[in-house]
Amino acid sequence: MDKKAKKRIEILRKKVQDLQPRLAGAKQQMDDPDEVEQFEQQIAAAQEEIAKLKAS
């Protein structure tokens, strides 16, 4: 893995850490059900990209 991949993984991990509490809050306060789905999709996309970067 090169430096760019490592840096991208680090950024994605921080993004996931930021999104997880926001997702939990959105689940508790279901004002906008689409918001929960958006957070889940963003987390899944970030984790998928991390897996791809680790595999390469």
N, C-alpha and C. Protein backbone atom coordinates (compact mmCIF):
# COMPACT_ATOMS: atom_id res chain seq x y z
N MET A 1 0.84 -1.17 0.00
CA MET A 1 0.00 0.00 0.00
C MET A 1 0.89 1.25 0.00
N ASP A 2 0.56 2.18 -0.85
CA ASP A 2 1.34 3.41 -0.91
C ASP A 2 0.78 4.46 0.06
N LYS A 3 1.46 5.60 0.11
CA LYS A 3 1.07 6.64 1.05
C LYS A 3 -0.33 7.18 0.78
N LYS A 4 -0.68 7.31 -0.50
CA LYS A 4 -2.00 7.84 -0.83
C LYS A 4 -3.10 6.92 -0.31
N ALA A 5 -2.92 5.62 -0.48
CA ALA A 5 -3.92 4.66 -0.02
C ALA A 5 -4.04 4.70 1.50
N LYS A 6 -2.92 4.76 2.18
CA LYS A 6 -2.95 4.81 3.65
C LYS A 6 -3.65 6.08 4.13
N LYS A 7 -3.37 7.19 3.49
CA LYS A 7 -3.99 8.46 3.88
C LYS A 7 -5.50 8.41 3.61
N ARG A 8 -5.89 7.83 2.47
CA ARG A 8 -7.30 7.72 2.12
C ARG A 8 -8.04 6.84 3.14
N ILE A 9 -7.41 5.74 3.54
CA ILE A 9 -8.01 4.85 4.54
C ILE A 9 -8.20 5.60 5.85
N GLU A 10 -7.19 6.37 6.23
CA GLU A 10 -7.27 7.14 7.48
C GLU A 10 -8.43 8.14 7.42
N ILE A 11 -8.59 8.81 6.30
CA ILE A 11 -9.66 9.79 6.13
C ILE A 11 -11.02 9.09 6.18
N LEU A 12 -11.13 7.94 5.51
CA LEU A 12 -12.39 7.20 5.50
C LEU A 12 -12.75 6.69 6.89
N ARG A 13 -11.78 6.25 7.65
CA ARG A 13 -12.05 5.78 9.02
C ARG A 13 -12.57 6.91 9.88
N LYS A 14 -11.99 8.11 9.73
CA LYS A 14 -12.46 9.26 10.49
C LYS A 14 -13.89 9.62 10.08
N LYS A 15 -14.18 9.49 8.79
CA LYS A 15 -15.52 9.78 8.30
C LYS A 15 -16.53 8.80 8.91
N VAL A 16 -16.17 7.52 8.97
CA VAL A 16 -17.05 6.51 9.55
C VAL A 16 -17.26 6.81 11.03
N GLN A 17 -16.18 7.17 11.74
CA GLN A 17 -16.30 7.48 13.17
C GLN A 17 -17.20 8.69 13.39
N ASP A 18 -17.19 9.64 12.47
CA ASP A 18 -18.05 10.81 12.58
C ASP A 18 -19.51 10.46 12.27
N LEU A 19 -19.72 9.58 11.30
CA LEU A 19 -21.07 9.26 10.88
C LEU A 19 -21.81 8.34 11.85
N GLN A 20 -21.11 7.48 12.55
CA GLN A 20 -21.76 6.51 13.43
C GLN A 20 -22.58 7.19 14.54
N PRO A 21 -22.05 8.17 15.26
CA PRO A 21 -22.90 8.83 16.28
C PRO A 21 -24.06 9.61 15.66
N ARG A 22 -23.83 10.17 14.47
CA ARG A 22 -24.90 10.89 13.79
C ARG A 22 -26.01 9.94 13.39
N LEU A 23 -25.63 8.73 12.96
CA LEU A 23 -26.61 7.71 12.62
C LEU A 23 -27.41 7.30 13.85
N ALA A 24 -26.72 7.10 14.95
CA ALA A 24 -27.40 6.71 16.19
C ALA A 24 -28.39 7.80 16.62
N GLY A 25 -27.98 9.04 16.51
CA GLY A 25 -28.88 10.15 16.86
C GLY A 25 -30.07 10.22 15.92
N ALA A 26 -29.84 9.98 14.65
CA ALA A 26 -30.93 10.02 13.68
C ALA A 26 -31.92 8.89 13.93
N LYS A 27 -31.42 7.73 14.40
CA LYS A 27 -32.32 6.60 14.69
C LYS A 27 -33.17 6.91 15.92
N GLN A 28 -32.61 7.61 16.89
CA GLN A 28 -33.36 7.95 18.10
C GLN A 28 -34.43 8.99 17.81
N GLN A 29 -34.10 9.92 16.94
CA GLN A 29 -35.00 11.02 16.64
C GLN A 29 -35.39 10.89 15.15
N MET A 30 -36.41 10.11 14.89
CA MET A 30 -36.78 9.78 13.52
C MET A 30 -37.60 10.89 12.85
N ASP A 31 -37.04 12.11 12.79
CA ASP A 31 -37.71 13.21 12.11
C ASP A 31 -37.74 12.97 10.61
N ASP A 32 -36.61 12.50 10.09
CA ASP A 32 -36.47 12.28 8.65
C ASP A 32 -35.94 10.86 8.42
N PRO A 33 -36.80 9.92 8.05
CA PRO A 33 -36.34 8.53 7.84
C PRO A 33 -35.30 8.39 6.74
N ASP A 34 -35.32 9.31 5.77
CA ASP A 34 -34.33 9.26 4.69
C ASP A 34 -32.92 9.55 5.20
N GLU A 35 -32.84 10.33 6.27
CA GLU A 35 -31.54 10.68 6.84
C GLU A 35 -30.83 9.44 7.36
N VAL A 36 -31.56 8.55 8.00
CA VAL A 36 -30.98 7.30 8.52
C VAL A 36 -30.42 6.49 7.36
N GLU A 37 -31.19 6.38 6.30
CA GLU A 37 -30.76 5.62 5.13
C GLU A 37 -29.52 6.24 4.50
N GLN A 38 -29.46 7.56 4.44
CA GLN A 38 -28.30 8.25 3.88
C GLN A 38 -27.05 7.95 4.68
N PHE A 39 -27.15 8.04 6.00
CA PHE A 39 -25.99 7.76 6.85
C PHE A 39 -25.53 6.32 6.68
N GLU A 40 -26.48 5.39 6.63
CA GLU A 40 -26.12 3.98 6.45
C GLU A 40 -25.42 3.75 5.12
N GLN A 41 -25.90 4.40 4.07
CA GLN A 41 -25.28 4.27 2.75
C GLN A 41 -23.88 4.86 2.74
N GLN A 42 -23.71 6.01 3.38
CA GLN A 42 -22.39 6.65 3.42
C GLN A 42 -21.40 5.79 4.18
N ILE A 43 -21.82 5.21 5.30
CA ILE A 43 -20.94 4.34 6.09
C ILE A 43 -20.58 3.10 5.28
N ALA A 44 -21.56 2.49 4.63
CA ALA A 44 -21.30 1.29 3.82
C ALA A 44 -20.34 1.60 2.68
N ALA A 45 -20.53 2.73 2.03
CA ALA A 45 -19.65 3.10 0.91
C ALA A 45 -18.22 3.32 1.40
N ALA A 46 -18.06 3.97 2.53
CA ALA A 46 -16.73 4.22 3.08
C ALA A 46 -16.06 2.91 3.47
N GLN A 47 -16.81 2.00 4.10
CA GLN A 47 -16.23 0.72 4.50
C GLN A 47 -15.87 -0.13 3.28
N GLU A 48 -16.68 -0.04 2.24
CA GLU A 48 -16.39 -0.77 1.01
C GLU A 48 -15.10 -0.25 0.36
N GLU A 49 -14.94 1.06 0.33
CA GLU A 49 -13.74 1.64 -0.25
C GLU A 49 -12.51 1.27 0.58
N ILE A 50 -12.63 1.24 1.90
CA ILE A 50 -11.52 0.82 2.76
C ILE A 50 -11.12 -0.61 2.40
N ALA A 51 -12.10 -1.49 2.24
CA ALA A 51 -11.82 -2.89 1.91
C ALA A 51 -11.11 -3.00 0.57
N LYS A 52 -11.54 -2.20 -0.41
CA LYS A 52 -10.90 -2.22 -1.74
C LYS A 52 -9.46 -1.75 -1.65
N LEU A 53 -9.23 -0.69 -0.87
CA LEU A 53 -7.88 -0.15 -0.75
C LEU A 53 -6.96 -1.15 -0.04
N LYS A 54 -7.48 -1.84 0.95
CA LYS A 54 -6.68 -2.83 1.66
C LYS A 54 -6.36 -4.02 0.77
N ALA A 55 -7.28 -4.38 -0.11
CA ALA A 55 -7.08 -5.54 -0.99
C ALA A 55 -6.05 -5.27 -2.07
N SER A 56 -5.91 -4.01 -2.45
CA SER A 56 -4.97 -3.70 -3.54
C SER A 56 -3.55 -3.51 -3.07
